Amino acid sequence: MRISRWSQGGEAKQAYVILVDKVSSELENHPVIAIVLSLIDCPFTHCTFSSSFVKGADVIWDMRKMKLPKSNSTLTSPPLNELEKTAESKRELWQLITAHQEANR
């Protein structure tokens, strides 16, 4: 019988979920998403887009119009098309980004 000593592997990558109303290929290349994720030190390569919330998922950003079921996400905002048009939405997202940056200093 071959028994080997257990050793902890390399550091596992954290997988994050970005909740959206409809997943599309345009999201992966959208500059707003890339900029926001870089501001909170979340590598884009660790993120996946989903239109449905899975219990236990690590949701980094909830961009759904109807935020049901509720997720405990780091960031929350309206969908991208609304976010780009509304100054108030941008302001609220910026406040969440700066709060996240302050908490992780």
C-alpha atoms as a PDB file:
ATOM      1  CA  MET A   1       0.000   0.000   0.000  1.00  0.00           C
ATOM      2  CA  ARG A   2       1.392   3.397  -0.991  1.00  0.00           C
ATOM      3  CA  ILE A   3       0.785   5.920   1.746  1.00  0.00           C
ATOM      4  CA  SER A   4       2.059   9.418   1.375  1.00  0.00           C
ATOM      5  CA  ARG A   5       2.101  12.321   3.754  1.00  0.00           C
ATOM      6  CA  TRP A   6      -0.580  14.922   3.150  1.00  0.00           C
ATOM      7  CA  SER A   7       0.686  18.353   2.301  1.00  0.00           C
ATOM      8  CA  GLN A   8      -1.259  21.492   1.618  1.00  0.00           C
ATOM      9  CA  GLY A   9      -1.299  22.375  -2.067  1.00  0.00           C
ATOM     10  CA  GLY A  10      -0.695  25.782  -3.578  1.00  0.00           C
ATOM     11  CA  GLU A  11      -2.945  28.673  -2.795  1.00  0.00           C
ATOM     12  CA  ALA A  12      -6.375  28.065  -4.298  1.00  0.00           C
ATOM     13  CA  LYS A  13      -7.805  30.764  -6.501  1.00  0.00           C
ATOM     14  CA  GLN A  14     -10.881  32.480  -5.133  1.00  0.00           C
ATOM     15  CA  ALA A  15     -13.826  32.272  -7.545  1.00  0.00           C
ATOM     16  CA  TYR A  16     -16.236  35.192  -7.615  1.00  0.00           C
ATOM     17  CA  VAL A  17     -19.643  35.570  -9.226  1.00  0.00           C
ATOM     18  CA  ILE A  18     -21.010  38.684 -10.903  1.00  0.00           C
ATOM     19  CA  LEU A  19     -24.804  38.523 -11.018  1.00  0.00           C
ATOM     20  CA  VAL A  20     -26.469  40.011 -14.091  1.00  0.00           C
ATOM     21  CA  ASP A  21     -29.940  39.847 -15.604  1.00  0.00           C
ATOM     22  CA  LYS A  22     -28.698  38.313 -18.851  1.00  0.00           C
ATOM     23  CA  VAL A  23     -25.255  36.827 -19.484  1.00  0.00           C
ATOM     24  CA  SER A  24     -23.690  37.995 -22.755  1.00  0.00           C
ATOM     25  CA  SER A  25     -20.217  37.941 -24.279  1.00  0.00           C
ATOM     26  CA  GLU A  26     -20.190  41.767 -24.278  1.00  0.00           C
ATOM     27  CA  LEU A  27     -19.869  41.774 -20.489  1.00  0.00           C
ATOM     28  CA  GLU A  28     -16.429  40.162 -20.586  1.00  0.00           C
ATOM     29  CA  ASN A  29     -15.015  43.038 -22.642  1.00  0.00           C
ATOM     30  CA  HIS A  30     -16.845  45.913 -20.996  1.00  0.00           C
ATOM     31  CA  PRO A  31     -14.419  48.593 -19.731  1.00  0.00           C
ATOM     32  CA  VAL A  32     -16.579  49.598 -16.743  1.00  0.00           C
ATOM     33  CA  ILE A  33     -16.500  46.060 -15.368  1.00  0.00           C
ATOM     34  CA  ALA A  34     -12.750  45.774 -15.855  1.00  0.00           C
ATOM     35  CA  ILE A  35     -12.103  49.129 -14.154  1.00  0.00           C
ATOM     36  CA  VAL A  36     -14.384  48.451 -11.184  1.00  0.00           C
ATOM     37  CA  LEU A  37     -12.882  45.016 -10.566  1.00  0.00           C
ATOM     38  CA  SER A  38      -9.361  46.446 -10.706  1.00  0.00           C
ATOM     39  CA  LEU A  39     -10.332  49.131  -8.170  1.00  0.00           C
ATOM     40  CA  ILE A  40     -11.350  46.475  -5.652  1.00  0.00           C
ATOM     41  CA  ASP A  41      -8.337  44.253  -6.431  1.00  0.00           C
ATOM     42  CA  CYS A  42     -10.451  41.456  -7.854  1.00  0.00           C
ATOM     43  CA  PRO A  43      -8.773  39.725 -10.796  1.00  0.00           C
ATOM     44  CA  PHE A  44     -11.150  39.509 -13.745  1.00  0.00           C
ATOM     45  CA  THR A  45      -9.887  35.997 -14.432  1.00  0.00           C
ATOM     46  CA  HIS A  46     -11.352  34.858 -11.089  1.00  0.00           C
ATOM     47  CA  CYS A  47     -14.860  36.047 -12.001  1.00  0.00           C
ATOM     48  CA  THR A  48     -17.752  34.404 -13.774  1.00  0.00           C
ATOM     49  CA  PHE A  49     -21.052  35.906 -14.847  1.00  0.00           C
ATOM     50  CA  SER A  50     -24.322  34.316 -13.825  1.00  0.00           C
ATOM     51  CA  SER A  51     -27.982  35.220 -14.146  1.00  0.00           C
ATOM     52  CA  SER A  52     -28.997  33.132 -11.150  1.00  0.00           C
ATOM     53  CA  PHE A  53     -27.894  33.204  -7.541  1.00  0.00           C
ATOM     54  CA  VAL A  54     -26.534  29.977  -6.122  1.00  0.00           C
ATOM     55  CA  LYS A  55     -26.592  29.648  -2.346  1.00  0.00           C
ATOM     56  CA  GLY A  56     -23.065  29.777  -0.965  1.00  0.00           C
ATOM     57  CA  ALA A  57     -21.602  31.506  -4.018  1.00  0.00           C
ATOM     58  CA  ASP A  58     -19.129  34.316  -3.370  1.00  0.00           C
ATOM     59  CA  VAL A  59     -20.923  37.168  -5.141  1.00  0.00           C
ATOM     60  CA  ILE A  60     -18.613  40.114  -5.732  1.00  0.00           C
ATOM     61  CA  TRP A  61     -21.059  42.306  -7.689  1.00  0.00           C
ATOM     62  CA  ASP A  62     -24.832  42.188  -8.094  1.00  0.00           C
ATOM     63  CA  MET A  63     -25.971  44.072 -11.205  1.00  0.00           C
ATOM     64  CA  ARG A  64     -29.462  42.613 -11.468  1.00  0.00           C
ATOM     65  CA  LYS A  65     -32.472  44.887 -11.840  1.00  0.00           C
ATOM     66  CA  MET A  66     -34.461  42.783  -9.351  1.00  0.00           C
ATOM     67  CA  LYS A  67     -32.097  41.727  -6.580  1.00  0.00           C
ATOM     68  CA  LEU A  68     -34.069  38.612  -5.616  1.00  0.00           C
ATOM     69  CA  PRO A  69     -33.044  36.358  -4.110  1.00  0.00           C
ATOM     70  CA  LYS A  70     -30.828  38.675  -2.097  1.00  0.00           C
ATOM     71  CA  SER A  71     -27.113  38.116  -2.228  1.00  0.00           C
ATOM     72  CA  ASN A  72     -24.483  39.301   0.188  1.00  0.00           C
ATOM     73  CA  SER A  73     -22.386  40.957  -2.497  1.00  0.00           C
ATOM     74  CA  THR A  74     -19.463  43.335  -2.058  1.00  0.00           C
ATOM     75  CA  LEU A  75     -20.837  45.695  -4.704  1.00  0.00           C
ATOM     76  CA  THR A  76     -24.360  46.306  -5.881  1.00  0.00           C
ATOM     77  CA  SER A  77     -25.563  48.484  -8.736  1.00  0.00           C
ATOM     78  CA  PRO A  78     -28.206  48.722 -11.406  1.00  0.00           C
ATOM     79  CA  PRO A  79     -27.566  46.861 -14.680  1.00  0.00           C
ATOM     80  CA  LEU A  80     -24.768  48.286 -16.849  1.00  0.00           C
ATOM     81  CA  ASN A  81     -27.038  50.145 -19.267  1.00  0.00           C
ATOM     82  CA  GLU A  82     -28.638  52.048 -16.369  1.00  0.00           C
ATOM     83  CA  LEU A  83     -25.344  52.494 -14.523  1.00  0.00           C
ATOM     84  CA  GLU A  84     -23.784  54.219 -17.520  1.00  0.00           C
ATOM     85  CA  LYS A  85     -26.677  56.683 -17.834  1.00  0.00           C
ATOM     86  CA  THR A  86     -27.353  57.663 -14.221  1.00  0.00           C
ATOM     87  CA  ALA A  87     -24.984  59.856 -12.217  1.00  0.00           C
ATOM     88  CA  GLU A  88     -26.610  58.850  -8.929  1.00  0.00           C
ATOM     89  CA  SER A  89     -25.990  55.151  -9.643  1.00  0.00           C
ATOM     90  CA  LYS A  90     -22.342  55.868 -10.437  1.00  0.00           C
ATOM     91  CA  ARG A  91     -22.016  57.870  -7.228  1.00  0.00           C
ATOM     92  CA  GLU A  92     -23.491  55.035  -5.128  1.00  0.00           C
ATOM     93  CA  LEU A  93     -21.192  52.481  -6.771  1.00  0.00           C
ATOM     94  CA  TRP A  94     -18.191  54.732  -6.150  1.00  0.00           C
ATOM     95  CA  GLN A  95     -19.121  54.954  -2.457  1.00  0.00           C
ATOM     96  CA  LEU A  96     -19.207  51.139  -2.243  1.00  0.00           C
ATOM     97  CA  ILE A  97     -15.820  50.918  -3.991  1.00  0.00           C
ATOM     98  CA  THR A  98     -14.170  53.416  -1.643  1.00  0.00           C
ATOM     99  CA  ALA A  99     -15.720  51.725   1.411  1.00  0.00           C
ATOM    100  CA  HIS A 100     -14.307  48.392   0.208  1.00  0.00           C
ATOM    101  CA  GLN A 101     -10.870  49.956  -0.340  1.00  0.00           C
ATOM    102  CA  GLU A 102     -10.888  51.504   3.131  1.00  0.00           C
ATOM    103  CA  ALA A 103     -11.931  48.239   4.765  1.00  0.00           C
ATOM    104  CA  ASN A 104      -9.088  46.357   3.088  1.00  0.00           C
ATOM    105  CA  ARG A 105      -6.253  48.709   3.972  1.00  0.00           C
END
